[in-house]
Amino acid sequence: MRTIRAKTTCPACGFVNTAQTNYSDDSPGDGDYAICLQCSFVAIYAVSGEQISVRRPTADEEREIGENPEVQRMLRAIDRLDIPGRSLNALRNAGKRN
């Protein structure tokens, strides 16, 4: 697992994530999934050189996210975390992605 310090803003709730963790030893790559710890929205990393941001998934990516059992397992695990300041309304609306 590797964590890097980079600010990204969730395209769904606007929460600023200040660190990015990848479950491999690599930095997040272009097209990798990014899960917001505030609202559980699954965004897509957009990486260009040293610049890291996140964007909303395309319709095809949305389908892939919904069908990916590993992503669904991670979402369930994140939803069980007790994160201070986390918005329960955001969690309830996490499935309403667009």
N, C-alpha and C. Protein backbone atom coordinates (compact mmCIF):
# COMPACT_ATOMS: atom_id res chain seq x y z
N MET A 1 0.86 -1.17 0.00
CA MET A 1 0.00 0.00 0.00
C MET A 1 0.90 1.23 0.00
N ARG A 2 0.51 2.23 -0.78
CA ARG A 2 1.29 3.45 -0.88
C ARG A 2 0.37 4.66 -0.76
N THR A 3 0.75 5.61 0.09
CA THR A 3 -0.01 6.85 0.24
C THR A 3 0.85 8.01 -0.21
N ILE A 4 0.25 8.89 -1.01
CA ILE A 4 0.94 10.10 -1.44
C ILE A 4 0.12 11.31 -0.99
N ARG A 5 0.79 12.41 -0.77
CA ARG A 5 0.12 13.66 -0.39
C ARG A 5 -0.20 14.44 -1.65
N ALA A 6 -1.48 14.50 -1.96
CA ALA A 6 -1.95 15.26 -3.12
C ALA A 6 -3.40 15.61 -2.86
N LYS A 7 -3.76 16.85 -3.09
CA LYS A 7 -5.14 17.27 -2.87
C LYS A 7 -5.97 17.01 -4.12
N THR A 8 -7.11 16.37 -3.90
CA THR A 8 -8.10 16.21 -4.97
C THR A 8 -9.46 16.59 -4.39
N THR A 9 -10.34 17.06 -5.24
CA THR A 9 -11.68 17.46 -4.81
C THR A 9 -12.70 16.51 -5.40
N CYS A 10 -13.52 15.93 -4.54
CA CYS A 10 -14.55 15.00 -4.99
C CYS A 10 -15.52 15.73 -5.93
N PRO A 11 -15.76 15.19 -7.12
CA PRO A 11 -16.69 15.85 -8.04
C PRO A 11 -18.15 15.72 -7.62
N ALA A 12 -18.43 14.86 -6.64
CA ALA A 12 -19.82 14.68 -6.20
C ALA A 12 -20.18 15.57 -5.02
N CYS A 13 -19.30 15.61 -3.99
CA CYS A 13 -19.66 16.35 -2.77
C CYS A 13 -18.75 17.56 -2.50
N GLY A 14 -17.66 17.69 -3.25
CA GLY A 14 -16.76 18.83 -3.06
C GLY A 14 -15.75 18.66 -1.94
N PHE A 15 -15.76 17.51 -1.27
CA PHE A 15 -14.80 17.28 -0.18
C PHE A 15 -13.38 17.25 -0.73
N VAL A 16 -12.47 17.91 -0.01
CA VAL A 16 -11.07 17.93 -0.43
C VAL A 16 -10.34 16.80 0.29
N ASN A 17 -9.92 15.82 -0.48
CA ASN A 17 -9.11 14.71 0.04
C ASN A 17 -7.66 15.16 -0.03
N THR A 18 -6.93 15.01 1.06
CA THR A 18 -5.55 15.52 1.11
C THR A 18 -4.50 14.45 0.91
N ALA A 19 -4.90 13.20 0.82
CA ALA A 19 -3.96 12.11 0.59
C ALA A 19 -4.65 11.06 -0.27
N GLN A 20 -3.86 10.37 -1.06
CA GLN A 20 -4.37 9.34 -1.94
C GLN A 20 -3.64 8.04 -1.61
N THR A 21 -4.38 6.97 -1.37
CA THR A 21 -3.78 5.68 -1.05
C THR A 21 -4.11 4.68 -2.14
N ASN A 22 -3.09 4.00 -2.61
CA ASN A 22 -3.27 2.95 -3.60
C ASN A 22 -2.90 1.63 -2.94
N TYR A 23 -3.67 0.60 -3.19
CA TYR A 23 -3.45 -0.67 -2.51
C TYR A 23 -2.36 -1.51 -3.15
N SER A 24 -1.66 -0.94 -4.12
CA SER A 24 -0.45 -1.57 -4.62
C SER A 24 0.70 -0.63 -4.24
N ASP A 25 1.88 -0.91 -4.69
CA ASP A 25 3.01 -0.05 -4.38
C ASP A 25 3.17 1.10 -5.36
N ASP A 26 2.25 1.21 -6.31
CA ASP A 26 2.31 2.26 -7.31
C ASP A 26 1.51 3.48 -6.86
N SER A 27 1.84 4.61 -7.42
CA SER A 27 1.01 5.80 -7.23
C SER A 27 -0.28 5.59 -8.02
N PRO A 28 -1.36 6.28 -7.63
CA PRO A 28 -2.57 6.18 -8.44
C PRO A 28 -2.26 6.55 -9.89
N GLY A 29 -2.78 5.77 -10.81
CA GLY A 29 -2.54 6.01 -12.22
C GLY A 29 -3.77 6.54 -12.93
N ASP A 30 -3.55 7.09 -14.09
CA ASP A 30 -4.64 7.62 -14.90
C ASP A 30 -5.66 6.51 -15.16
N GLY A 31 -6.91 6.77 -14.83
CA GLY A 31 -7.98 5.79 -15.03
C GLY A 31 -8.26 4.90 -13.83
N ASP A 32 -7.41 4.95 -12.80
CA ASP A 32 -7.67 4.18 -11.58
C ASP A 32 -8.89 4.75 -10.86
N TYR A 33 -9.52 3.93 -10.03
CA TYR A 33 -10.66 4.39 -9.24
C TYR A 33 -10.20 5.17 -8.02
N ALA A 34 -10.96 6.20 -7.68
CA ALA A 34 -10.73 7.01 -6.48
C ALA A 34 -12.04 7.04 -5.70
N ILE A 35 -12.02 6.58 -4.46
CA ILE A 35 -13.24 6.56 -3.65
C ILE A 35 -13.15 7.65 -2.60
N CYS A 36 -14.13 8.55 -2.60
CA CYS A 36 -14.18 9.65 -1.62
C CYS A 36 -14.56 9.09 -0.25
N LEU A 37 -13.76 9.40 0.75
CA LEU A 37 -14.06 8.93 2.10
C LEU A 37 -15.19 9.71 2.76
N GLN A 38 -15.57 10.83 2.17
CA GLN A 38 -16.67 11.62 2.72
C GLN A 38 -18.03 11.09 2.25
N CYS A 39 -18.15 10.80 0.95
CA CYS A 39 -19.47 10.43 0.42
C CYS A 39 -19.50 9.08 -0.30
N SER A 40 -18.36 8.42 -0.41
CA SER A 40 -18.23 7.11 -1.07
C SER A 40 -18.44 7.17 -2.58
N PHE A 41 -18.35 8.34 -3.16
CA PHE A 41 -18.46 8.46 -4.61
C PHE A 41 -17.22 7.85 -5.25
N VAL A 42 -17.41 7.08 -6.31
CA VAL A 42 -16.28 6.50 -7.02
C VAL A 42 -15.98 7.38 -8.23
N ALA A 43 -14.85 8.07 -8.16
CA ALA A 43 -14.39 8.93 -9.24
C ALA A 43 -13.24 8.22 -9.96
N ILE A 44 -12.72 8.87 -10.96
CA ILE A 44 -11.63 8.33 -11.77
C ILE A 44 -10.43 9.28 -11.67
N TYR A 45 -9.26 8.72 -11.38
CA TYR A 45 -8.06 9.54 -11.36
C TYR A 45 -7.73 10.03 -12.76
N ALA A 46 -7.35 11.29 -12.84
CA ALA A 46 -6.83 11.89 -14.07
C ALA A 46 -5.41 12.34 -13.72
N VAL A 47 -4.42 11.63 -14.24
CA VAL A 47 -3.03 11.88 -13.89
C VAL A 47 -2.29 12.33 -15.13
N SER A 48 -1.59 13.45 -14.99
CA SER A 48 -0.77 13.98 -16.08
C SER A 48 0.54 14.45 -15.47
N GLY A 49 1.60 13.69 -15.67
CA GLY A 49 2.88 14.03 -15.05
C GLY A 49 2.76 13.96 -13.54
N GLU A 50 3.05 15.07 -12.88
CA GLU A 50 2.95 15.13 -11.42
C GLU A 50 1.58 15.62 -10.94
N GLN A 51 0.71 16.02 -11.87
CA GLN A 51 -0.61 16.54 -11.53
C GLN A 51 -1.61 15.39 -11.36
N ILE A 52 -2.31 15.40 -10.22
CA ILE A 52 -3.33 14.39 -9.94
C ILE A 52 -4.65 15.09 -9.65
N SER A 53 -5.69 14.68 -10.35
CA SER A 53 -7.04 15.18 -10.06
C SER A 53 -7.99 14.01 -10.22
N VAL A 54 -9.26 14.24 -9.94
CA VAL A 54 -10.28 13.21 -10.14
C VAL A 54 -11.42 13.79 -10.96
N ARG A 55 -12.09 12.91 -11.67
CA ARG A 55 -13.22 13.33 -12.52
C ARG A 55 -14.36 12.34 -12.35
N ARG A 56 -15.52 12.76 -12.84
CA ARG A 56 -16.68 11.86 -12.84
C ARG A 56 -16.43 10.74 -13.85
N PRO A 57 -16.90 9.54 -13.54
CA PRO A 57 -16.75 8.44 -14.51
C PRO A 57 -17.69 8.60 -15.70
N THR A 58 -17.27 8.06 -16.83
CA THR A 58 -18.13 8.01 -18.00
C THR A 58 -19.21 6.96 -17.75
N ALA A 59 -20.18 6.88 -18.65
CA ALA A 59 -21.24 5.87 -18.52
C ALA A 59 -20.66 4.46 -18.54
N ASP A 60 -19.68 4.21 -19.41
CA ASP A 60 -19.06 2.89 -19.47
C ASP A 60 -18.31 2.59 -18.18
N GLU A 61 -17.61 3.58 -17.64
CA GLU A 61 -16.89 3.39 -16.37
C GLU A 61 -17.86 3.15 -15.22
N GLU A 62 -19.01 3.83 -15.24
CA GLU A 62 -20.04 3.61 -14.22
C GLU A 62 -20.48 2.14 -14.21
N ARG A 63 -20.70 1.59 -15.40
CA ARG A 63 -21.10 0.19 -15.50
C ARG A 63 -20.00 -0.72 -14.94
N GLU A 64 -18.76 -0.43 -15.29
CA GLU A 64 -17.63 -1.23 -14.79
C GLU A 64 -17.54 -1.16 -13.27
N ILE A 65 -17.75 0.02 -12.71
CA ILE A 65 -17.72 0.20 -11.26
C ILE A 65 -18.80 -0.64 -10.60
N GLY A 66 -20.00 -0.58 -11.15
CA GLY A 66 -21.12 -1.32 -10.58
C GLY A 66 -20.96 -2.82 -10.67
N GLU A 67 -20.19 -3.28 -11.64
CA GLU A 67 -20.01 -4.72 -11.85
C GLU A 67 -18.72 -5.25 -11.20
N ASN A 68 -17.91 -4.37 -10.65
CA ASN A 68 -16.61 -4.78 -10.10
C ASN A 68 -16.77 -5.19 -8.64
N PRO A 69 -16.64 -6.49 -8.33
CA PRO A 69 -16.87 -6.94 -6.95
C PRO A 69 -15.86 -6.36 -5.96
N GLU A 70 -14.64 -6.10 -6.40
CA GLU A 70 -13.63 -5.52 -5.50
C GLU A 70 -14.00 -4.09 -5.10
N VAL A 71 -14.50 -3.31 -6.05
CA VAL A 71 -14.93 -1.94 -5.75
C VAL A 71 -16.12 -1.99 -4.79
N GLN A 72 -17.06 -2.88 -5.03
CA GLN A 72 -18.23 -2.98 -4.16
C GLN A 72 -17.83 -3.39 -2.75
N ARG A 73 -16.84 -4.29 -2.64
CA ARG A 73 -16.34 -4.70 -1.32
C ARG A 73 -15.69 -3.52 -0.60
N MET A 74 -14.90 -2.73 -1.33
CA MET A 74 -14.26 -1.56 -0.72
C MET A 74 -15.29 -0.52 -0.29
N LEU A 75 -16.33 -0.33 -1.08
CA LEU A 75 -17.38 0.63 -0.71
C LEU A 75 -18.08 0.20 0.57
N ARG A 76 -18.37 -1.08 0.70
CA ARG A 76 -19.01 -1.57 1.93
C ARG A 76 -18.09 -1.36 3.13
N ALA A 77 -16.80 -1.61 2.96
CA ALA A 77 -15.84 -1.42 4.06
C ALA A 77 -15.74 0.05 4.43
N ILE A 78 -15.67 0.93 3.45
CA ILE A 78 -15.58 2.37 3.73
C ILE A 78 -16.84 2.86 4.43
N ASP A 79 -17.99 2.37 4.01
CA ASP A 79 -19.25 2.80 4.63
C ASP A 79 -19.33 2.42 6.11
N ARG A 80 -18.57 1.42 6.52
CA ARG A 80 -18.57 1.01 7.94
C ARG A 80 -17.59 1.82 8.78
N LEU A 81 -16.73 2.60 8.16
CA LEU A 81 -15.75 3.38 8.92
C LEU A 81 -16.42 4.51 9.68
N ASP A 82 -15.90 4.81 10.85
CA ASP A 82 -16.38 5.94 11.65
C ASP A 82 -15.44 7.11 11.38
N ILE A 83 -15.83 7.97 10.46
CA ILE A 83 -14.99 9.09 10.05
C ILE A 83 -15.60 10.38 10.59
N PRO A 84 -14.88 11.11 11.46
CA PRO A 84 -15.41 12.35 12.02
C PRO A 84 -15.83 13.33 10.92
N GLY A 85 -16.99 13.92 11.10
CA GLY A 85 -17.48 14.93 10.16
C GLY A 85 -18.09 14.37 8.88
N ARG A 86 -18.16 13.07 8.79
CA ARG A 86 -18.69 12.44 7.59
C ARG A 86 -20.18 12.71 7.47
N SER A 87 -20.63 13.01 6.28
CA SER A 87 -22.03 13.33 6.04
C SER A 87 -22.85 12.08 5.78
N LEU A 88 -23.78 11.78 6.69
CA LEU A 88 -24.63 10.61 6.48
C LEU A 88 -25.56 10.80 5.29
N ASN A 89 -25.97 12.04 5.02
CA ASN A 89 -26.80 12.28 3.85
C ASN A 89 -26.02 11.98 2.58
N ALA A 90 -24.74 12.33 2.57
CA ALA A 90 -23.91 12.03 1.40
C ALA A 90 -23.83 10.53 1.20
N LEU A 91 -23.70 9.78 2.29
CA LEU A 91 -23.64 8.33 2.17
C LEU A 91 -24.93 7.77 1.61
N ARG A 92 -26.06 8.28 2.08
CA ARG A 92 -27.36 7.79 1.59
C ARG A 92 -27.53 8.08 0.10
N ASN A 93 -26.91 9.17 -0.37
CA ASN A 93 -27.05 9.57 -1.76
C ASN A 93 -25.90 9.10 -2.63
N ALA A 94 -24.97 8.33 -2.09
CA ALA A 94 -23.78 7.92 -2.84
C ALA A 94 -24.15 7.15 -4.09
N GLY A 95 -25.26 6.42 -4.06
CA GLY A 95 -25.67 5.67 -5.24
C GLY A 95 -26.22 6.55 -6.35
N LYS A 96 -26.59 7.77 -6.02
CA LYS A 96 -27.12 8.72 -7.01
C LYS A 96 -25.95 9.50 -7.57
N ARG A 97 -25.20 8.88 -8.45
CA ARG A 97 -23.91 9.42 -8.86
C ARG A 97 -24.01 10.56 -9.86
N ASN A 98 -24.99 10.60 -10.69
CA ASN A 98 -25.04 11.67 -11.69
C ASN A 98 -26.34 12.41 -11.62
